[in-house]
């Protein structure tokens, strides 16, 4: 019997699952619309580095969710420049140097 494919989002709560799925849907829309184009570039780069598409999507969705969190926390506009900078840094995540 083939192994069942794990969902990309595996949250501990129903609300967390919905939020994660919404982030992935937003990333899928960005890929489809090629807006910003750096999302497609980041996915391609991560695949070239040997990541699975699922992990590449997790990386991009994580960067996207961090930016969304910042806009909500600081009541600011979505910072596309910072988002693109963080996409270009993948697989390094914005908080990887914190400790």
N, C-alpha and C. Protein backbone atom coordinates (compact mmCIF):
# COMPACT_ATOMS: atom_id res chain seq x y z
N UNK A 1 0.85 -1.17 0.00
CA UNK A 1 0.00 0.00 0.00
C UNK A 1 0.89 1.24 0.00
N UNK A 2 0.63 2.21 -0.88
CA UNK A 2 1.47 3.41 -0.92
C UNK A 2 1.34 4.22 0.36
N UNK A 3 2.46 4.83 0.74
CA UNK A 3 2.48 5.66 1.93
C UNK A 3 1.63 6.90 1.70
N UNK A 4 0.77 7.23 2.67
CA UNK A 4 -0.08 8.40 2.55
C UNK A 4 0.77 9.66 2.66
N UNK A 5 0.57 10.58 1.72
CA UNK A 5 1.32 11.83 1.70
C UNK A 5 0.88 12.71 2.87
N UNK A 6 1.87 13.22 3.59
CA UNK A 6 1.59 14.10 4.73
C UNK A 6 1.22 15.48 4.21
N UNK A 7 0.27 16.12 4.86
CA UNK A 7 -0.07 17.49 4.45
C UNK A 7 1.10 18.42 4.74
N UNK A 8 1.19 19.49 3.97
CA UNK A 8 2.28 20.46 4.18
C UNK A 8 2.16 21.10 5.56
N UNK A 9 0.94 21.46 5.93
CA UNK A 9 0.70 22.06 7.24
C UNK A 9 0.29 20.96 8.20
N UNK A 10 0.96 20.93 9.35
CA UNK A 10 0.64 19.94 10.38
C UNK A 10 0.60 20.64 11.73
N UNK A 11 -0.41 21.46 11.91
CA UNK A 11 -0.54 22.26 13.14
C UNK A 11 -1.15 21.43 14.26
N UNK A 12 -0.93 21.88 15.47
CA UNK A 12 -1.44 21.17 16.64
C UNK A 12 -2.89 21.50 16.95
N UNK A 13 -3.36 22.63 16.43
CA UNK A 13 -4.74 23.03 16.70
C UNK A 13 -5.47 23.25 15.39
N UNK A 14 -6.79 23.21 15.46
CA UNK A 14 -7.61 23.46 14.27
C UNK A 14 -7.40 24.88 13.75
N UNK A 15 -7.33 25.84 14.67
CA UNK A 15 -7.09 27.24 14.26
C UNK A 15 -5.72 27.38 13.62
N UNK A 16 -4.73 26.73 14.19
CA UNK A 16 -3.39 26.76 13.62
C UNK A 16 -3.34 26.13 12.24
N UNK A 17 -4.08 25.05 12.08
CA UNK A 17 -4.16 24.37 10.78
C UNK A 17 -4.77 25.30 9.73
N UNK A 18 -5.87 25.94 10.10
CA UNK A 18 -6.52 26.87 9.16
C UNK A 18 -5.61 28.04 8.81
N UNK A 19 -4.92 28.58 9.80
CA UNK A 19 -4.01 29.70 9.55
C UNK A 19 -2.88 29.27 8.62
N UNK A 20 -2.30 28.11 8.88
CA UNK A 20 -1.23 27.61 8.04
C UNK A 20 -1.68 27.36 6.62
N UNK A 21 -2.87 26.80 6.48
CA UNK A 21 -3.41 26.55 5.14
C UNK A 21 -3.69 27.86 4.40
N UNK A 22 -4.12 28.89 5.14
CA UNK A 22 -4.35 30.20 4.53
C UNK A 22 -3.03 30.80 4.04
N UNK A 23 -1.96 30.64 4.81
CA UNK A 23 -0.64 31.13 4.39
C UNK A 23 -0.20 30.42 3.11
N UNK A 24 -0.38 29.10 3.08
CA UNK A 24 -0.01 28.35 1.88
C UNK A 24 -0.84 28.75 0.67
N UNK A 25 -2.12 29.00 0.89
CA UNK A 25 -2.97 29.44 -0.21
C UNK A 25 -2.49 30.78 -0.76
N UNK A 26 -2.10 31.68 0.14
CA UNK A 26 -1.58 32.98 -0.29
C UNK A 26 -0.30 32.80 -1.10
N UNK A 27 0.57 31.90 -0.67
CA UNK A 27 1.82 31.64 -1.40
C UNK A 27 1.50 31.03 -2.76
N UNK A 28 0.55 30.10 -2.82
CA UNK A 28 0.15 29.51 -4.11
C UNK A 28 -0.36 30.60 -5.05
N UNK A 29 -1.11 31.56 -4.52
CA UNK A 29 -1.59 32.68 -5.34
C UNK A 29 -0.43 33.53 -5.85
N UNK A 30 0.56 33.75 -4.99
CA UNK A 30 1.73 34.51 -5.41
C UNK A 30 2.49 33.78 -6.52
N UNK A 31 2.58 32.46 -6.40
CA UNK A 31 3.24 31.65 -7.43
C UNK A 31 2.46 31.76 -8.74
N UNK A 32 1.17 31.57 -8.66
CA UNK A 32 0.32 31.62 -9.86
C UNK A 32 0.40 32.98 -10.55
N UNK A 33 0.36 34.04 -9.75
CA UNK A 33 0.36 35.39 -10.29
C UNK A 33 1.77 35.92 -10.59
N UNK A 34 2.79 35.16 -10.18
CA UNK A 34 4.19 35.58 -10.30
C UNK A 34 4.37 36.98 -9.68
N UNK A 35 3.78 37.15 -8.50
CA UNK A 35 3.80 38.44 -7.82
C UNK A 35 3.95 38.25 -6.31
N UNK A 36 5.08 38.52 -5.76
CA UNK A 36 6.28 38.99 -6.44
C UNK A 36 7.01 37.83 -7.11
N UNK A 37 7.76 38.10 -8.17
CA UNK A 37 8.45 37.03 -8.89
C UNK A 37 9.50 36.32 -8.04
N UNK A 38 9.94 36.96 -6.98
CA UNK A 38 10.94 36.34 -6.10
C UNK A 38 10.41 35.10 -5.39
N UNK A 39 9.08 34.96 -5.29
CA UNK A 39 8.52 33.74 -4.70
C UNK A 39 8.85 32.55 -5.60
N UNK A 40 8.58 32.67 -6.89
CA UNK A 40 8.92 31.59 -7.82
C UNK A 40 10.42 31.34 -7.85
N UNK A 41 11.20 32.41 -7.79
CA UNK A 41 12.65 32.27 -7.78
C UNK A 41 13.13 31.52 -6.54
N UNK A 42 12.54 31.83 -5.40
CA UNK A 42 12.91 31.16 -4.15
C UNK A 42 12.55 29.68 -4.20
N UNK A 43 11.36 29.37 -4.70
CA UNK A 43 10.95 27.96 -4.81
C UNK A 43 11.93 27.22 -5.71
N UNK A 44 12.25 27.79 -6.87
CA UNK A 44 13.18 27.14 -7.80
C UNK A 44 14.55 26.94 -7.16
N UNK A 45 15.04 27.96 -6.47
CA UNK A 45 16.35 27.86 -5.83
C UNK A 45 16.35 26.76 -4.77
N UNK A 46 15.31 26.71 -3.96
CA UNK A 46 15.23 25.70 -2.91
C UNK A 46 15.16 24.30 -3.51
N UNK A 47 14.42 24.14 -4.61
CA UNK A 47 14.36 22.83 -5.28
C UNK A 47 15.74 22.45 -5.80
N UNK A 48 16.47 23.41 -6.35
CA UNK A 48 17.82 23.16 -6.84
C UNK A 48 18.75 22.74 -5.71
N UNK A 49 18.51 23.27 -4.52
CA UNK A 49 19.31 22.91 -3.34
C UNK A 49 18.94 21.54 -2.77
N UNK A 50 17.91 20.91 -3.36
CA UNK A 50 17.54 19.57 -2.92
C UNK A 50 16.32 19.49 -2.01
N UNK A 51 15.69 20.62 -1.76
CA UNK A 51 14.47 20.59 -0.94
C UNK A 51 13.32 20.00 -1.76
N UNK A 52 12.39 19.39 -1.07
CA UNK A 52 11.16 18.94 -1.73
C UNK A 52 10.30 20.16 -1.97
N UNK A 53 9.33 20.03 -2.87
CA UNK A 53 8.42 21.16 -3.10
C UNK A 53 7.68 21.51 -1.81
N UNK A 54 7.31 20.49 -1.04
CA UNK A 54 6.59 20.74 0.21
C UNK A 54 7.45 21.57 1.17
N UNK A 55 8.73 21.22 1.30
CA UNK A 55 9.59 21.99 2.20
C UNK A 55 9.85 23.39 1.66
N UNK A 56 10.01 23.51 0.34
CA UNK A 56 10.18 24.83 -0.26
C UNK A 56 8.97 25.70 0.04
N UNK A 57 7.78 25.11 -0.08
CA UNK A 57 6.56 25.85 0.24
C UNK A 57 6.53 26.23 1.71
N UNK A 58 6.97 25.34 2.59
CA UNK A 58 7.01 25.65 4.02
C UNK A 58 7.93 26.84 4.28
N UNK A 59 9.10 26.83 3.65
CA UNK A 59 10.04 27.95 3.82
C UNK A 59 9.39 29.26 3.41
N UNK A 60 8.82 29.30 2.21
CA UNK A 60 8.23 30.55 1.71
C UNK A 60 7.04 30.96 2.58
N UNK A 61 6.21 30.00 2.96
CA UNK A 61 5.06 30.32 3.81
C UNK A 61 5.50 30.83 5.18
N UNK A 62 6.62 30.33 5.68
CA UNK A 62 7.14 30.81 6.95
C UNK A 62 7.56 32.27 6.83
N UNK A 63 8.30 32.60 5.77
CA UNK A 63 8.71 33.99 5.55
C UNK A 63 7.49 34.88 5.37
N UNK A 64 6.50 34.41 4.62
CA UNK A 64 5.28 35.18 4.42
C UNK A 64 4.55 35.40 5.75
N UNK A 65 4.44 34.35 6.55
CA UNK A 65 3.72 34.47 7.82
C UNK A 65 4.44 35.41 8.79
N UNK A 66 5.77 35.43 8.74
CA UNK A 66 6.53 36.35 9.58
C UNK A 66 6.20 37.79 9.18
N UNK A 67 6.13 38.04 7.89
CA UNK A 67 5.82 39.39 7.41
C UNK A 67 4.39 39.78 7.79
N UNK A 68 3.45 38.86 7.65
CA UNK A 68 2.07 39.14 8.04
C UNK A 68 2.00 39.43 9.54
N UNK A 69 2.70 38.63 10.34
CA UNK A 69 2.74 38.85 11.78
C UNK A 69 3.26 40.25 12.11
N UNK A 70 4.36 40.64 11.44
CA UNK A 70 4.94 41.96 11.68
C UNK A 70 3.94 43.08 11.37
N UNK A 71 3.17 42.92 10.28
CA UNK A 71 2.20 43.95 9.93
C UNK A 71 1.10 44.05 10.98
N UNK A 72 0.71 42.92 11.51
CA UNK A 72 -0.35 42.93 12.53
C UNK A 72 0.18 43.45 13.86
N UNK A 73 1.35 43.00 14.24
CA UNK A 73 1.94 43.40 15.52
C UNK A 73 2.23 44.90 15.56
N UNK A 74 2.79 45.42 14.47
CA UNK A 74 3.21 46.82 14.44
C UNK A 74 2.22 47.74 13.76
N UNK A 75 1.12 47.17 13.28
CA UNK A 75 0.08 47.94 12.58
C UNK A 75 0.68 48.78 11.45
N UNK A 76 1.44 48.07 10.60
CA UNK A 76 2.10 48.70 9.47
C UNK A 76 1.65 48.01 8.18
N UNK A 77 2.03 48.60 7.07
CA UNK A 77 1.75 47.98 5.77
C UNK A 77 2.71 46.82 5.55
N UNK A 78 2.28 45.90 4.70
CA UNK A 78 3.11 44.77 4.31
C UNK A 78 4.37 45.31 3.64
N UNK A 79 5.53 44.92 4.15
CA UNK A 79 6.81 45.43 3.65
C UNK A 79 7.35 44.48 2.57
N UNK A 80 7.02 44.77 1.32
CA UNK A 80 7.42 43.91 0.20
C UNK A 80 8.94 43.84 0.10
N UNK A 81 9.62 44.95 0.35
CA UNK A 81 11.08 44.96 0.27
C UNK A 81 11.69 43.98 1.27
N UNK A 82 11.20 43.99 2.51
CA UNK A 82 11.70 43.07 3.53
C UNK A 82 11.32 41.64 3.18
N UNK A 83 10.12 41.43 2.68
CA UNK A 83 9.66 40.10 2.28
C UNK A 83 10.59 39.54 1.20
N UNK A 84 10.89 40.34 0.18
CA UNK A 84 11.77 39.90 -0.90
C UNK A 84 13.18 39.61 -0.37
N UNK A 85 13.67 40.46 0.53
CA UNK A 85 14.99 40.24 1.14
C UNK A 85 15.01 38.90 1.86
N UNK A 86 13.96 38.61 2.60
CA UNK A 86 13.90 37.34 3.34
C UNK A 86 13.73 36.15 2.39
N UNK A 87 12.98 36.32 1.30
CA UNK A 87 12.87 35.26 0.30
C UNK A 87 14.24 34.96 -0.31
N UNK A 88 14.99 36.01 -0.61
CA UNK A 88 16.29 35.85 -1.23
C UNK A 88 17.31 35.19 -0.31
N UNK A 89 17.06 35.24 1.00
CA UNK A 89 17.98 34.65 1.98
C UNK A 89 17.69 33.17 2.23
N UNK A 90 16.53 32.69 1.78
CA UNK A 90 16.19 31.28 2.04
C UNK A 90 17.25 30.36 1.46
N UNK A 91 17.58 29.27 2.16
CA UNK A 91 16.86 28.63 3.25
C UNK A 91 17.11 29.21 4.64
N UNK A 92 17.92 30.26 4.73
CA UNK A 92 18.11 30.90 6.03
C UNK A 92 16.84 31.69 6.34
N UNK A 93 16.30 31.45 7.52
CA UNK A 93 15.09 32.15 7.95
C UNK A 93 15.45 33.41 8.73
N UNK A 94 14.57 34.39 8.74
CA UNK A 94 14.88 35.67 9.39
C UNK A 94 15.32 35.55 10.84
N UNK A 95 14.83 34.58 11.57
CA UNK A 95 15.15 34.46 13.00
C UNK A 95 16.25 33.44 13.27
N UNK A 96 16.90 32.91 12.22
CA UNK A 96 17.95 31.90 12.43
C UNK A 96 19.13 32.38 13.26
N UNK A 97 19.42 33.68 13.24
CA UNK A 97 20.55 34.22 14.01
C UNK A 97 20.19 34.59 15.43
N UNK A 98 18.90 34.56 15.76
CA UNK A 98 18.47 34.93 17.11
C UNK A 98 18.79 33.77 18.05
N UNK A 99 19.03 34.08 19.28
CA UNK A 99 19.28 32.98 20.18
C UNK A 99 19.36 33.41 21.53
